Amino acid sequence: MSPAYTKADDLPAVLPVFPLDAVLLPPRGMLPLNVFEPRYLNMIDDAMASDRIIGIVQTVKGGDRERPALAGVGGAGRITSFAETQDGRYLITLTGICRFRTGAELPGAMPYRQVRADFRAFEIDLAPSSDSGIDRAGLLAALRRYLASREMDVDWSSADEAPMEALVNSLSMALPFSGSEKQALLEALTLADRAETLAILLKIEAAGEDGDSPSALQ
């Protein structure tokens, strides 16, 4: 059984991080990963031997090629599924727990990167999510226009019936937004804020595909 995290102090003060651009891990989101690089195999081994928690964080301009600067906010997740392939890769699933602010990076005693993590600003993530204030119909309408602009489709019965948090998280994680757009989705404070940000991004992207001016969305 997974441990219960109810407050920021329940989470580790030092966090191993996996830098992945254009990727986000929101609370209760599920992120499958195919891990093959030796330093990250080492990181997963160490995590599996302790609390199973690692951070997913994007990089930003700054630092050097081997150690680019890290974004100010990442998402911490627990390894909830683990398998090893015959060629030595790890297939894992991370389930999001709580976002964190990236603090000072620890000196390189480990082959992977570690940061001091501050979860206090996002302690809201540890409470059950609320659908209050979310315009589900508006979000689905924006999604329909976005998909139509790309001649794509989804299983609308599943989308209509999906819990709001699962729908918002899966769309935020799966759709091909830019790194900065993914970061905006991650940093939106509440689920309602993330849903609103997602709807705006869908409208802007659809307007761009249609040749409309994004200003018409204001």
N, C-alpha and C. Protein backbone atom coordinates (compact mmCIF):
# COMPACT_ATOMS: atom_id res chain seq x y z
N MET A 1 0.84 -1.20 0.00
CA MET A 1 0.00 0.00 0.00
C MET A 1 0.87 1.25 0.00
N SER A 2 0.51 2.23 -0.82
CA SER A 2 1.27 3.48 -0.88
C SER A 2 1.09 4.26 0.41
N PRO A 3 2.13 4.93 0.87
CA PRO A 3 1.99 5.75 2.07
C PRO A 3 1.09 6.95 1.82
N ALA A 4 0.49 7.46 2.90
CA ALA A 4 -0.37 8.64 2.79
C ALA A 4 0.47 9.89 3.05
N TYR A 5 0.37 10.83 2.14
CA TYR A 5 1.06 12.11 2.30
C TYR A 5 -0.01 13.16 2.54
N THR A 6 0.03 13.80 3.70
CA THR A 6 -1.02 14.76 4.05
C THR A 6 -0.49 16.18 4.22
N LYS A 7 0.82 16.33 4.37
CA LYS A 7 1.41 17.66 4.54
C LYS A 7 2.78 17.68 3.91
N ALA A 8 3.28 18.89 3.65
CA ALA A 8 4.55 19.04 2.95
C ALA A 8 5.69 18.34 3.68
N ASP A 9 5.65 18.33 5.01
CA ASP A 9 6.73 17.73 5.79
C ASP A 9 6.78 16.21 5.64
N ASP A 10 5.74 15.60 5.07
CA ASP A 10 5.76 14.15 4.83
C ASP A 10 6.65 13.78 3.65
N LEU A 11 7.04 14.76 2.86
CA LEU A 11 7.79 14.52 1.64
C LEU A 11 9.27 14.84 1.84
N PRO A 12 10.14 14.21 1.06
CA PRO A 12 11.59 14.36 1.30
C PRO A 12 12.09 15.78 1.01
N ALA A 13 13.03 16.22 1.83
CA ALA A 13 13.61 17.55 1.65
C ALA A 13 14.61 17.58 0.52
N VAL A 14 15.20 16.43 0.22
CA VAL A 14 16.14 16.30 -0.90
C VAL A 14 15.55 15.32 -1.90
N LEU A 15 15.55 15.73 -3.17
CA LEU A 15 14.84 14.97 -4.19
C LEU A 15 15.76 14.69 -5.38
N PRO A 16 15.88 13.43 -5.80
CA PRO A 16 16.55 13.17 -7.08
C PRO A 16 15.65 13.63 -8.21
N VAL A 17 16.22 14.23 -9.24
CA VAL A 17 15.40 14.78 -10.31
C VAL A 17 15.80 14.20 -11.66
N PHE A 18 14.78 14.02 -12.48
CA PHE A 18 14.93 13.53 -13.85
C PHE A 18 14.57 14.70 -14.75
N PRO A 19 15.53 15.39 -15.36
CA PRO A 19 15.22 16.52 -16.25
C PRO A 19 14.62 16.01 -17.56
N LEU A 20 13.39 16.42 -17.85
CA LEU A 20 12.72 16.02 -19.08
C LEU A 20 11.97 17.23 -19.63
N ASP A 21 12.35 17.67 -20.82
CA ASP A 21 11.71 18.84 -21.39
C ASP A 21 10.40 18.49 -22.08
N ALA A 22 9.47 19.45 -22.06
CA ALA A 22 8.12 19.28 -22.63
C ALA A 22 7.37 18.11 -21.98
N VAL A 23 7.68 17.88 -20.71
CA VAL A 23 7.01 16.83 -19.92
C VAL A 23 6.59 17.45 -18.60
N LEU A 24 5.39 17.10 -18.13
CA LEU A 24 4.97 17.55 -16.82
C LEU A 24 4.34 16.39 -16.07
N LEU A 25 4.44 16.45 -14.75
CA LEU A 25 3.83 15.45 -13.87
C LEU A 25 2.97 16.19 -12.85
N PRO A 26 1.67 16.34 -13.13
CA PRO A 26 0.79 17.00 -12.17
C PRO A 26 0.37 16.05 -11.06
N PRO A 27 -0.21 16.56 -9.99
CA PRO A 27 -0.69 15.69 -8.92
C PRO A 27 -1.68 14.66 -9.45
N ARG A 28 -1.42 13.41 -9.12
CA ARG A 28 -2.25 12.26 -9.50
C ARG A 28 -2.20 11.94 -10.99
N GLY A 29 -1.35 12.63 -11.73
CA GLY A 29 -1.09 12.23 -13.11
C GLY A 29 -0.24 10.98 -13.13
N MET A 30 -0.30 10.23 -14.22
CA MET A 30 0.47 8.99 -14.33
C MET A 30 1.37 9.07 -15.56
N LEU A 31 2.67 8.96 -15.31
CA LEU A 31 3.68 9.17 -16.35
C LEU A 31 4.49 7.89 -16.55
N PRO A 32 4.32 7.20 -17.69
CA PRO A 32 5.16 6.04 -17.98
C PRO A 32 6.52 6.49 -18.51
N LEU A 33 7.57 5.81 -18.09
CA LEU A 33 8.92 6.16 -18.51
C LEU A 33 9.69 4.90 -18.89
N ASN A 34 10.48 5.03 -19.94
CA ASN A 34 11.39 3.98 -20.39
C ASN A 34 12.80 4.46 -20.04
N VAL A 35 13.40 3.90 -19.01
CA VAL A 35 14.66 4.41 -18.48
C VAL A 35 15.80 3.50 -18.94
N PHE A 36 16.81 4.09 -19.57
CA PHE A 36 17.91 3.28 -20.09
C PHE A 36 19.29 3.87 -19.84
N GLU A 37 19.35 5.20 -19.57
CA GLU A 37 20.66 5.82 -19.34
C GLU A 37 21.20 5.38 -17.98
N PRO A 38 22.50 4.99 -17.89
CA PRO A 38 23.04 4.42 -16.65
C PRO A 38 22.80 5.27 -15.40
N ARG A 39 22.98 6.59 -15.50
CA ARG A 39 22.82 7.40 -14.29
C ARG A 39 21.38 7.40 -13.80
N TYR A 40 20.41 7.28 -14.72
CA TYR A 40 19.02 7.27 -14.29
C TYR A 40 18.58 5.87 -13.86
N LEU A 41 19.21 4.83 -14.40
CA LEU A 41 19.01 3.49 -13.84
C LEU A 41 19.48 3.47 -12.39
N ASN A 42 20.62 4.11 -12.14
CA ASN A 42 21.15 4.23 -10.77
C ASN A 42 20.16 4.99 -9.88
N MET A 43 19.59 6.06 -10.41
CA MET A 43 18.63 6.84 -9.65
C MET A 43 17.40 6.01 -9.29
N ILE A 44 16.89 5.23 -10.25
CA ILE A 44 15.72 4.40 -9.97
C ILE A 44 16.06 3.33 -8.94
N ASP A 45 17.25 2.72 -9.04
CA ASP A 45 17.67 1.74 -8.04
C ASP A 45 17.64 2.35 -6.65
N ASP A 46 18.21 3.56 -6.52
CA ASP A 46 18.27 4.21 -5.21
C ASP A 46 16.86 4.57 -4.71
N ALA A 47 16.02 5.05 -5.63
CA ALA A 47 14.65 5.40 -5.23
C ALA A 47 13.87 4.17 -4.78
N MET A 48 14.02 3.08 -5.50
CA MET A 48 13.31 1.85 -5.15
C MET A 48 13.75 1.32 -3.79
N ALA A 49 14.99 1.62 -3.40
CA ALA A 49 15.51 1.17 -2.11
C ALA A 49 15.12 2.09 -0.96
N SER A 50 14.48 3.23 -1.30
CA SER A 50 14.10 4.17 -0.24
C SER A 50 12.61 4.48 -0.31
N ASP A 51 12.25 5.73 -0.67
CA ASP A 51 10.84 6.13 -0.63
C ASP A 51 10.16 6.09 -2.00
N ARG A 52 10.89 5.70 -3.04
CA ARG A 52 10.37 5.58 -4.40
C ARG A 52 9.96 6.92 -5.03
N ILE A 53 10.40 8.03 -4.47
CA ILE A 53 9.97 9.35 -4.96
C ILE A 53 11.09 10.00 -5.76
N ILE A 54 10.76 10.47 -6.96
CA ILE A 54 11.69 11.26 -7.76
C ILE A 54 10.93 12.47 -8.33
N GLY A 55 11.68 13.46 -8.77
CA GLY A 55 11.08 14.66 -9.35
C GLY A 55 11.26 14.70 -10.85
N ILE A 56 10.26 15.21 -11.54
CA ILE A 56 10.34 15.47 -12.97
C ILE A 56 10.35 16.99 -13.14
N VAL A 57 11.36 17.48 -13.84
CA VAL A 57 11.50 18.93 -13.98
C VAL A 57 12.07 19.26 -15.35
N GLN A 58 11.59 20.34 -15.94
CA GLN A 58 12.11 20.80 -17.22
C GLN A 58 13.41 21.60 -17.02
N THR A 59 14.15 21.77 -18.10
CA THR A 59 15.32 22.63 -18.05
C THR A 59 14.99 23.97 -18.69
N VAL A 60 15.79 24.96 -18.35
CA VAL A 60 15.65 26.31 -18.90
C VAL A 60 17.03 26.79 -19.34
N LYS A 61 17.07 27.94 -19.99
CA LYS A 61 18.35 28.47 -20.45
C LYS A 61 19.24 28.78 -19.25
N GLY A 62 20.49 28.44 -19.41
CA GLY A 62 21.46 28.66 -18.34
C GLY A 62 22.16 27.37 -17.99
N GLY A 63 23.28 27.46 -17.28
CA GLY A 63 24.06 26.28 -16.98
C GLY A 63 24.85 25.85 -18.20
N ASP A 64 25.34 24.61 -18.18
CA ASP A 64 26.08 24.11 -19.34
C ASP A 64 25.30 22.97 -19.98
N ARG A 65 25.89 22.42 -21.04
CA ARG A 65 25.18 21.42 -21.82
C ARG A 65 24.87 20.18 -20.99
N GLU A 66 25.81 19.78 -20.14
CA GLU A 66 25.63 18.58 -19.34
C GLU A 66 24.72 18.82 -18.14
N ARG A 67 24.72 20.04 -17.63
CA ARG A 67 23.91 20.36 -16.45
C ARG A 67 23.15 21.67 -16.70
N PRO A 68 22.17 21.65 -17.60
CA PRO A 68 21.39 22.87 -17.84
C PRO A 68 20.63 23.28 -16.59
N ALA A 69 20.30 24.55 -16.51
CA ALA A 69 19.53 25.05 -15.37
C ALA A 69 18.16 24.39 -15.32
N LEU A 70 17.64 24.24 -14.14
CA LEU A 70 16.35 23.59 -13.94
C LEU A 70 15.24 24.62 -13.76
N ALA A 71 14.06 24.29 -14.24
CA ALA A 71 12.90 25.16 -14.04
C ALA A 71 12.61 25.31 -12.55
N GLY A 72 11.94 26.37 -12.21
CA GLY A 72 11.71 26.68 -10.81
C GLY A 72 10.69 25.80 -10.12
N VAL A 73 9.86 25.10 -10.90
CA VAL A 73 8.82 24.22 -10.34
C VAL A 73 8.86 22.89 -11.09
N GLY A 74 8.79 21.81 -10.34
CA GLY A 74 8.71 20.47 -10.91
C GLY A 74 7.59 19.69 -10.24
N GLY A 75 7.45 18.45 -10.66
CA GLY A 75 6.43 17.58 -10.07
C GLY A 75 7.07 16.34 -9.49
N ALA A 76 6.78 16.03 -8.24
CA ALA A 76 7.31 14.83 -7.59
C ALA A 76 6.31 13.69 -7.75
N GLY A 77 6.84 12.51 -8.02
CA GLY A 77 5.97 11.35 -8.17
C GLY A 77 6.57 10.13 -7.50
N ARG A 78 5.72 9.18 -7.22
CA ARG A 78 6.14 7.92 -6.62
C ARG A 78 6.12 6.83 -7.67
N ILE A 79 7.14 5.98 -7.67
CA ILE A 79 7.18 4.85 -8.59
C ILE A 79 6.11 3.85 -8.16
N THR A 80 5.07 3.71 -8.97
CA THR A 80 3.95 2.83 -8.63
C THR A 80 3.90 1.58 -9.50
N SER A 81 4.77 1.53 -10.50
CA SER A 81 4.88 0.35 -11.34
C SER A 81 6.33 0.24 -11.79
N PHE A 82 6.87 -0.99 -11.77
CA PHE A 82 8.27 -1.19 -12.10
C PHE A 82 8.44 -2.53 -12.78
N ALA A 83 9.16 -2.54 -13.90
CA ALA A 83 9.52 -3.79 -14.58
C ALA A 83 10.88 -3.60 -15.22
N GLU A 84 11.65 -4.68 -15.31
CA GLU A 84 12.96 -4.65 -15.93
C GLU A 84 12.94 -5.51 -17.19
N THR A 85 13.46 -4.98 -18.28
CA THR A 85 13.49 -5.71 -19.54
C THR A 85 14.74 -6.58 -19.62
N GLN A 86 14.77 -7.47 -20.57
CA GLN A 86 15.92 -8.37 -20.72
C GLN A 86 17.19 -7.62 -21.12
N ASP A 87 17.04 -6.46 -21.75
CA ASP A 87 18.22 -5.69 -22.13
C ASP A 87 18.59 -4.64 -21.09
N GLY A 88 18.01 -4.73 -19.89
CA GLY A 88 18.45 -3.89 -18.78
C GLY A 88 17.76 -2.56 -18.62
N ARG A 89 16.72 -2.30 -19.41
CA ARG A 89 15.96 -1.05 -19.24
C ARG A 89 14.94 -1.22 -18.11
N TYR A 90 14.53 -0.10 -17.54
CA TYR A 90 13.46 -0.09 -16.55
C TYR A 90 12.22 0.55 -17.17
N LEU A 91 11.10 -0.11 -17.06
CA LEU A 91 9.82 0.45 -17.47
C LEU A 91 9.06 0.77 -16.19
N ILE A 92 8.89 2.05 -15.93
CA ILE A 92 8.26 2.47 -14.68
C ILE A 92 7.07 3.37 -14.96
N THR A 93 6.22 3.50 -13.97
CA THR A 93 5.16 4.50 -13.98
C THR A 93 5.30 5.35 -12.74
N LEU A 94 5.32 6.66 -12.93
CA LEU A 94 5.32 7.60 -11.81
C LEU A 94 3.91 8.14 -11.63
N THR A 95 3.44 8.14 -10.40
CA THR A 95 2.15 8.75 -10.08
C THR A 95 2.41 10.03 -9.30
N GLY A 96 1.91 11.15 -9.83
CA GLY A 96 2.20 12.44 -9.24
C GLY A 96 1.67 12.57 -7.82
N ILE A 97 2.48 13.16 -6.96
CA ILE A 97 2.10 13.39 -5.56
C ILE A 97 1.89 14.88 -5.31
N CYS A 98 2.93 15.66 -5.57
CA CYS A 98 2.89 17.08 -5.22
C CYS A 98 3.95 17.82 -6.02
N ARG A 99 3.62 19.03 -6.42
CA ARG A 99 4.61 19.87 -7.08
C ARG A 99 5.57 20.46 -6.04
N PHE A 100 6.71 20.94 -6.51
CA PHE A 100 7.72 21.48 -5.61
C PHE A 100 8.48 22.61 -6.28
N ARG A 101 9.01 23.49 -5.46
CA ARG A 101 9.92 24.52 -5.95
C ARG A 101 11.34 23.96 -5.84
N THR A 102 12.09 24.11 -6.92
CA THR A 102 13.46 23.60 -6.93
C THR A 102 14.38 24.57 -6.20
N GLY A 103 15.01 24.06 -5.17
CA GLY A 103 15.96 24.86 -4.42
C GLY A 103 17.38 24.59 -4.87
N ALA A 104 18.32 24.75 -3.96
CA ALA A 104 19.74 24.58 -4.29
C ALA A 104 20.01 23.15 -4.74
N GLU A 105 20.89 23.03 -5.72
CA GLU A 105 21.29 21.71 -6.19
C GLU A 105 22.44 21.20 -5.33
N LEU A 106 22.38 19.94 -4.96
CA LEU A 106 23.43 19.36 -4.14
C LEU A 106 24.67 19.08 -4.98
N PRO A 107 25.86 19.17 -4.37
CA PRO A 107 27.08 18.85 -5.10
C PRO A 107 27.01 17.43 -5.67
N GLY A 108 27.72 17.20 -6.75
CA GLY A 108 27.56 15.97 -7.53
C GLY A 108 28.17 14.73 -6.94
N ALA A 109 27.74 14.32 -5.76
CA ALA A 109 28.22 13.05 -5.19
C ALA A 109 27.59 11.87 -5.91
N MET A 110 26.41 12.07 -6.47
CA MET A 110 25.71 11.02 -7.21
C MET A 110 25.84 11.27 -8.71
N PRO A 111 25.69 10.24 -9.53
CA PRO A 111 25.75 10.46 -10.98
C PRO A 111 24.55 11.22 -11.52
N TYR A 112 23.45 11.23 -10.78
CA TYR A 112 22.26 11.97 -11.17
C TYR A 112 22.14 13.24 -10.32
N ARG A 113 21.21 14.10 -10.68
CA ARG A 113 21.09 15.39 -10.01
C ARG A 113 20.11 15.31 -8.84
N GLN A 114 20.40 16.06 -7.79
CA GLN A 114 19.54 16.14 -6.61
C GLN A 114 19.36 17.60 -6.23
N VAL A 115 18.15 17.95 -5.79
CA VAL A 115 17.88 19.32 -5.36
C VAL A 115 17.19 19.32 -4.00
N ARG A 116 17.29 20.43 -3.34
CA ARG A 116 16.45 20.65 -2.16
C ARG A 116 15.06 21.05 -2.68
N ALA A 117 14.05 20.36 -2.19
CA ALA A 117 12.69 20.56 -2.70
C ALA A 117 11.82 21.21 -1.64
N ASP A 118 11.09 22.23 -2.04
CA ASP A 118 10.17 22.93 -1.14
C ASP A 118 8.75 22.69 -1.64
N PHE A 119 7.98 21.90 -0.90
CA PHE A 119 6.62 21.54 -1.29
C PHE A 119 5.56 22.46 -0.69
N ARG A 120 5.96 23.39 0.16
CA ARG A 120 4.96 24.14 0.94
C ARG A 120 4.00 24.94 0.09
N ALA A 121 4.47 25.53 -1.01
CA ALA A 121 3.60 26.36 -1.85
C ALA A 121 2.52 25.54 -2.54
N PHE A 122 2.71 24.21 -2.60
CA PHE A 122 1.78 23.35 -3.33
C PHE A 122 1.17 22.27 -2.44
N GLU A 123 1.09 22.56 -1.15
CA GLU A 123 0.51 21.59 -0.22
C GLU A 123 -0.94 21.26 -0.58
N ILE A 124 -1.58 22.16 -1.32
CA ILE A 124 -2.94 21.92 -1.81
C ILE A 124 -3.03 20.62 -2.61
N ASP A 125 -1.91 20.22 -3.23
CA ASP A 125 -1.91 19.00 -4.05
C ASP A 125 -2.19 17.74 -3.23
N LEU A 126 -1.94 17.80 -1.93
CA LEU A 126 -2.09 16.62 -1.08
C LEU A 126 -3.52 16.41 -0.61
N ALA A 127 -4.39 17.38 -0.89
CA ALA A 127 -5.81 17.26 -0.55
C ALA A 127 -6.57 16.77 -1.78
N PRO A 128 -7.75 16.17 -1.58
CA PRO A 128 -8.55 15.73 -2.74
C PRO A 128 -8.85 16.92 -3.65
N SER A 129 -8.83 16.69 -4.95
CA SER A 129 -9.08 17.77 -5.90
C SER A 129 -10.57 18.11 -5.93
N SER A 130 -10.85 19.31 -6.40
CA SER A 130 -12.23 19.78 -6.51
C SER A 130 -12.52 20.23 -7.93
N ASP A 131 -13.71 19.85 -8.43
CA ASP A 131 -14.13 20.27 -9.77
C ASP A 131 -14.79 21.65 -9.77
N SER A 132 -14.88 22.24 -8.60
CA SER A 132 -15.58 23.52 -8.48
C SER A 132 -14.96 24.58 -9.38
N GLY A 133 -15.82 25.29 -10.10
CA GLY A 133 -15.38 26.40 -10.93
C GLY A 133 -14.88 26.00 -12.30
N ILE A 134 -14.97 24.71 -12.65
CA ILE A 134 -14.47 24.26 -13.95
C ILE A 134 -15.61 24.24 -14.96
N ASP A 135 -15.38 24.86 -16.12
CA ASP A 135 -16.36 24.87 -17.22
C ASP A 135 -16.08 23.66 -18.11
N ARG A 136 -16.66 22.53 -17.76
CA ARG A 136 -16.40 21.30 -18.50
C ARG A 136 -16.86 21.42 -19.96
N ALA A 137 -18.05 21.98 -20.15
CA ALA A 137 -18.57 22.12 -21.51
C ALA A 137 -17.66 23.01 -22.35
N GLY A 138 -17.18 24.10 -21.77
CA GLY A 138 -16.29 25.00 -22.49
C GLY A 138 -14.97 24.34 -22.84
N LEU A 139 -14.44 23.55 -21.90
CA LEU A 139 -13.18 22.85 -22.16
C LEU A 139 -13.34 21.83 -23.29
N LEU A 140 -14.43 21.08 -23.26
CA LEU A 140 -14.65 20.08 -24.30
C LEU A 140 -14.90 20.74 -25.66
N ALA A 141 -15.56 21.89 -25.66
CA ALA A 141 -15.77 22.61 -26.92
C ALA A 141 -14.43 23.08 -27.50
N ALA A 142 -13.55 23.58 -26.62
CA ALA A 142 -12.22 24.00 -27.07
C ALA A 142 -11.43 22.81 -27.59
N LEU A 143 -11.58 21.67 -26.94
CA LEU A 143 -10.89 20.46 -27.38
C LEU A 143 -11.40 20.02 -28.75
N ARG A 144 -12.72 20.08 -28.96
CA ARG A 144 -13.28 19.69 -30.26
C ARG A 144 -12.71 20.56 -31.38
N ARG A 145 -12.64 21.87 -31.14
CA ARG A 145 -12.12 22.76 -32.18
C ARG A 145 -10.64 22.49 -32.43
N TYR A 146 -9.90 22.26 -31.37
CA TYR A 146 -8.47 21.97 -31.50
C TYR A 146 -8.26 20.71 -32.33
N LEU A 147 -8.99 19.64 -32.00
CA LEU A 147 -8.83 18.38 -32.72
C LEU A 147 -9.30 18.50 -34.17
N ALA A 148 -10.39 19.23 -34.38
CA ALA A 148 -10.90 19.42 -35.74
C ALA A 148 -9.89 20.17 -36.60
N SER A 149 -9.18 21.12 -36.00
CA SER A 149 -8.20 21.89 -36.75
C SER A 149 -7.03 21.03 -37.20
N ARG A 150 -6.85 19.89 -36.53
CA ARG A 150 -5.76 18.96 -36.86
C ARG A 150 -6.28 17.66 -37.48
N GLU A 151 -7.56 17.63 -37.78
CA GLU A 151 -8.21 16.45 -38.35
C GLU A 151 -7.94 15.22 -37.48
N MET A 152 -8.10 15.39 -36.18
CA MET A 152 -7.94 14.32 -35.21
C MET A 152 -9.27 14.08 -34.51
N ASP A 153 -9.34 12.96 -33.81
CA ASP A 153 -10.56 12.66 -33.07
C ASP A 153 -10.19 11.87 -31.82
N VAL A 154 -11.11 11.79 -30.87
CA VAL A 154 -10.92 11.00 -29.66
C VAL A 154 -12.20 10.21 -29.40
N ASP A 155 -12.13 9.35 -28.43
CA ASP A 155 -13.32 8.64 -27.96
C ASP A 155 -14.11 9.61 -27.08
N TRP A 156 -15.12 10.26 -27.70
CA TRP A 156 -15.83 11.31 -26.98
C TRP A 156 -16.67 10.78 -25.82
N SER A 157 -17.11 9.53 -25.89
CA SER A 157 -17.86 8.98 -24.76
C SER A 157 -16.97 8.89 -23.53
N SER A 158 -15.70 8.50 -23.75
CA SER A 158 -14.76 8.44 -22.62
C SER A 158 -14.44 9.84 -22.11
N ALA A 159 -14.25 10.79 -23.03
CA ALA A 159 -13.95 12.16 -22.62
C ALA A 159 -15.11 12.78 -21.84
N ASP A 160 -16.33 12.50 -22.28
CA ASP A 160 -17.50 13.05 -21.61
C ASP A 160 -17.68 12.49 -20.20
N GLU A 161 -17.26 11.22 -20.02
CA GLU A 161 -17.50 10.56 -18.75
C GLU A 161 -16.31 10.59 -17.80
N ALA A 162 -15.15 10.98 -18.28
CA ALA A 162 -13.94 10.94 -17.46
C ALA A 162 -14.03 11.92 -16.30
N PRO A 163 -13.53 11.55 -15.11
CA PRO A 163 -13.43 12.51 -14.02
C PRO A 163 -12.64 13.73 -14.47
N MET A 164 -13.02 14.89 -13.97
CA MET A 164 -12.44 16.13 -14.45
C MET A 164 -10.93 16.17 -14.28
N GLU A 165 -10.43 15.77 -13.14
CA GLU A 165 -8.99 15.82 -12.92
C GLU A 165 -8.26 14.90 -13.88
N ALA A 166 -8.77 13.68 -14.09
CA ALA A 166 -8.13 12.75 -15.01
C ALA A 166 -8.12 13.30 -16.43
N LEU A 167 -9.22 13.94 -16.83
CA LEU A 167 -9.31 14.52 -18.17
C LEU A 167 -8.30 15.65 -18.35
N VAL A 168 -8.28 16.58 -17.40
CA VAL A 168 -7.37 17.73 -17.51
C VAL A 168 -5.92 17.27 -17.47
N ASN A 169 -5.61 16.35 -16.56
CA ASN A 169 -4.23 15.87 -16.46
C ASN A 169 -3.80 15.15 -17.73
N SER A 170 -4.64 14.26 -18.23
CA SER A 170 -4.24 13.47 -19.40
C SER A 170 -4.06 14.37 -20.63
N LEU A 171 -4.92 15.36 -20.82
CA LEU A 171 -4.77 16.28 -21.94
C LEU A 171 -3.53 17.15 -21.77
N SER A 172 -3.31 17.64 -20.57
CA SER A 172 -2.14 18.49 -20.32
C SER A 172 -0.86 17.74 -20.58
N MET A 173 -0.82 16.47 -20.24
CA MET A 173 0.39 15.67 -20.38
C MET A 173 0.59 15.18 -21.81
N ALA A 174 -0.50 14.84 -22.50
CA ALA A 174 -0.38 14.15 -23.78
C ALA A 174 -0.32 15.09 -24.99
N LEU A 175 -0.98 16.24 -24.93
CA LEU A 175 -1.03 17.10 -26.11
C LEU A 175 0.32 17.76 -26.34
N PRO A 176 0.67 18.01 -27.62
CA PRO A 176 2.02 18.48 -27.97
C PRO A 176 2.21 19.98 -27.78
N PHE A 177 2.05 20.45 -26.56
CA PHE A 177 2.32 21.85 -26.26
C PHE A 177 3.82 22.07 -26.12
N SER A 178 4.23 23.33 -26.19
CA SER A 178 5.64 23.67 -26.01
C SER A 178 6.04 23.50 -24.55
N GLY A 179 7.35 23.54 -24.31
CA GLY A 179 7.83 23.43 -22.95
C GLY A 179 7.31 24.53 -22.05
N SER A 180 7.25 25.76 -22.55
CA SER A 180 6.76 26.86 -21.72
C SER A 180 5.27 26.72 -21.44
N GLU A 181 4.54 26.19 -22.41
CA GLU A 181 3.10 25.96 -22.20
C GLU A 181 2.88 24.83 -21.19
N LYS A 182 3.69 23.78 -21.29
CA LYS A 182 3.60 22.69 -20.31
C LYS A 182 3.90 23.23 -18.90
N GLN A 183 4.88 24.12 -18.82
CA GLN A 183 5.24 24.67 -17.52
C GLN A 183 4.10 25.52 -16.95
N ALA A 184 3.44 26.28 -17.81
CA ALA A 184 2.29 27.07 -17.36
C ALA A 184 1.18 26.17 -16.83
N LEU A 185 0.95 25.05 -17.50
CA LEU A 185 -0.06 24.10 -17.02
C LEU A 185 0.35 23.53 -15.67
N LEU A 186 1.62 23.18 -15.52
CA LEU A 186 2.08 22.62 -14.25
C LEU A 186 1.93 23.61 -13.11
N GLU A 187 2.26 24.87 -13.37
CA GLU A 187 2.29 25.87 -12.30
C GLU A 187 0.92 26.46 -11.98
N ALA A 188 -0.09 26.19 -12.80
CA ALA A 188 -1.45 26.66 -12.48
C ALA A 188 -1.82 26.10 -11.10
N LEU A 189 -2.21 26.97 -10.18
CA LEU A 189 -2.27 26.56 -8.77
C LEU A 189 -3.30 25.47 -8.49
N THR A 190 -4.52 25.66 -9.00
CA THR A 190 -5.59 24.71 -8.70
C THR A 190 -5.98 23.95 -9.96
N LEU A 191 -6.78 22.90 -9.78
CA LEU A 191 -7.29 22.16 -10.94
C LEU A 191 -8.12 23.08 -11.84
N ALA A 192 -8.92 23.95 -11.25
CA ALA A 192 -9.71 24.89 -12.05
C ALA A 192 -8.80 25.82 -12.86
N ASP A 193 -7.71 26.27 -12.24
CA ASP A 193 -6.75 27.12 -12.95
C ASP A 193 -6.11 26.37 -14.11
N ARG A 194 -5.78 25.09 -13.88
CA ARG A 194 -5.16 24.30 -14.95
C ARG A 194 -6.15 24.08 -16.09
N ALA A 195 -7.40 23.80 -15.75
CA ALA A 195 -8.42 23.60 -16.79
C ALA A 195 -8.61 24.87 -17.60
N GLU A 196 -8.59 26.02 -16.94
CA GLU A 196 -8.75 27.30 -17.66
C GLU A 196 -7.55 27.55 -18.57
N THR A 197 -6.34 27.30 -18.06
CA THR A 197 -5.14 27.47 -18.87
C THR A 197 -5.16 26.53 -20.06
N LEU A 198 -5.59 25.30 -19.84
CA LEU A 198 -5.67 24.32 -20.92
C LEU A 198 -6.65 24.78 -21.99
N ALA A 199 -7.81 25.26 -21.58
CA ALA A 199 -8.80 25.72 -22.55
C ALA A 199 -8.26 26.88 -23.38
N ILE A 200 -7.55 27.80 -22.74
CA ILE A 200 -6.97 28.94 -23.46
C ILE A 200 -5.95 28.46 -24.48
N LEU A 201 -5.08 27.52 -24.08
CA LEU A 201 -4.07 27.00 -25.00
C LEU A 201 -4.72 26.28 -26.18
N LEU A 202 -5.76 25.51 -25.92
CA LEU A 202 -6.46 24.81 -27.00
C LEU A 202 -7.05 25.81 -28.00
N LYS A 203 -7.64 26.88 -27.49
CA LYS A 203 -8.23 27.89 -28.36
C LYS A 203 -7.17 28.61 -29.20
N ILE A 204 -6.05 28.96 -28.57
CA ILE A 204 -4.98 29.65 -29.28
C ILE A 204 -4.39 28.75 -30.36
N GLU A 205 -4.15 27.48 -30.01
CA GLU A 205 -3.57 26.55 -31.00
C GLU A 205 -4.54 26.33 -32.16
N ALA A 206 -5.83 26.19 -31.86
CA ALA A 206 -6.82 25.99 -32.92
C ALA A 206 -6.92 27.22 -33.80
N ALA A 207 -6.86 28.40 -33.18
CA ALA A 207 -6.94 29.64 -33.96
C ALA A 207 -5.74 29.76 -34.88
N GLY A 208 -4.57 29.33 -34.41
CA GLY A 208 -3.38 29.37 -35.25
C GLY A 208 -3.50 28.45 -36.44
N GLU A 209 -4.05 27.26 -36.23
CA GLU A 209 -4.23 26.30 -37.33
C GLU A 209 -5.27 26.80 -38.33
N ASP A 210 -6.29 27.51 -37.82
CA ASP A 210 -7.35 28.00 -38.69
C ASP A 210 -6.96 29.28 -39.41
N GLY A 211 -5.83 29.87 -39.02
CA GLY A 211 -5.40 31.12 -39.63
C GLY A 211 -6.05 32.33 -39.00
N ASP A 212 -6.74 32.13 -37.86
CA ASP A 212 -7.35 33.26 -37.15
C ASP A 212 -6.31 33.96 -36.31
N SER A 213 -6.61 35.15 -35.91
CA SER A 213 -5.74 35.86 -34.97
C SER A 213 -6.07 35.44 -33.56
N PRO A 214 -5.04 35.03 -32.75
CA PRO A 214 -5.30 34.67 -31.37
C PRO A 214 -5.97 35.77 -30.56
N SER A 215 -5.79 37.03 -31.00
CA SER A 215 -6.40 38.13 -30.27
C SER A 215 -7.92 38.07 -30.30
N ALA A 216 -8.46 37.34 -31.30
CA ALA A 216 -9.90 37.20 -31.37
C ALA A 216 -10.46 36.39 -30.22
N LEU A 217 -9.56 35.71 -29.48
CA LEU A 217 -10.02 34.89 -28.36
C LEU A 217 -10.19 35.72 -27.10
N GLN A 218 -9.69 36.94 -27.10
CA GLN A 218 -9.77 37.73 -25.89
C GLN A 218 -11.19 38.17 -25.61
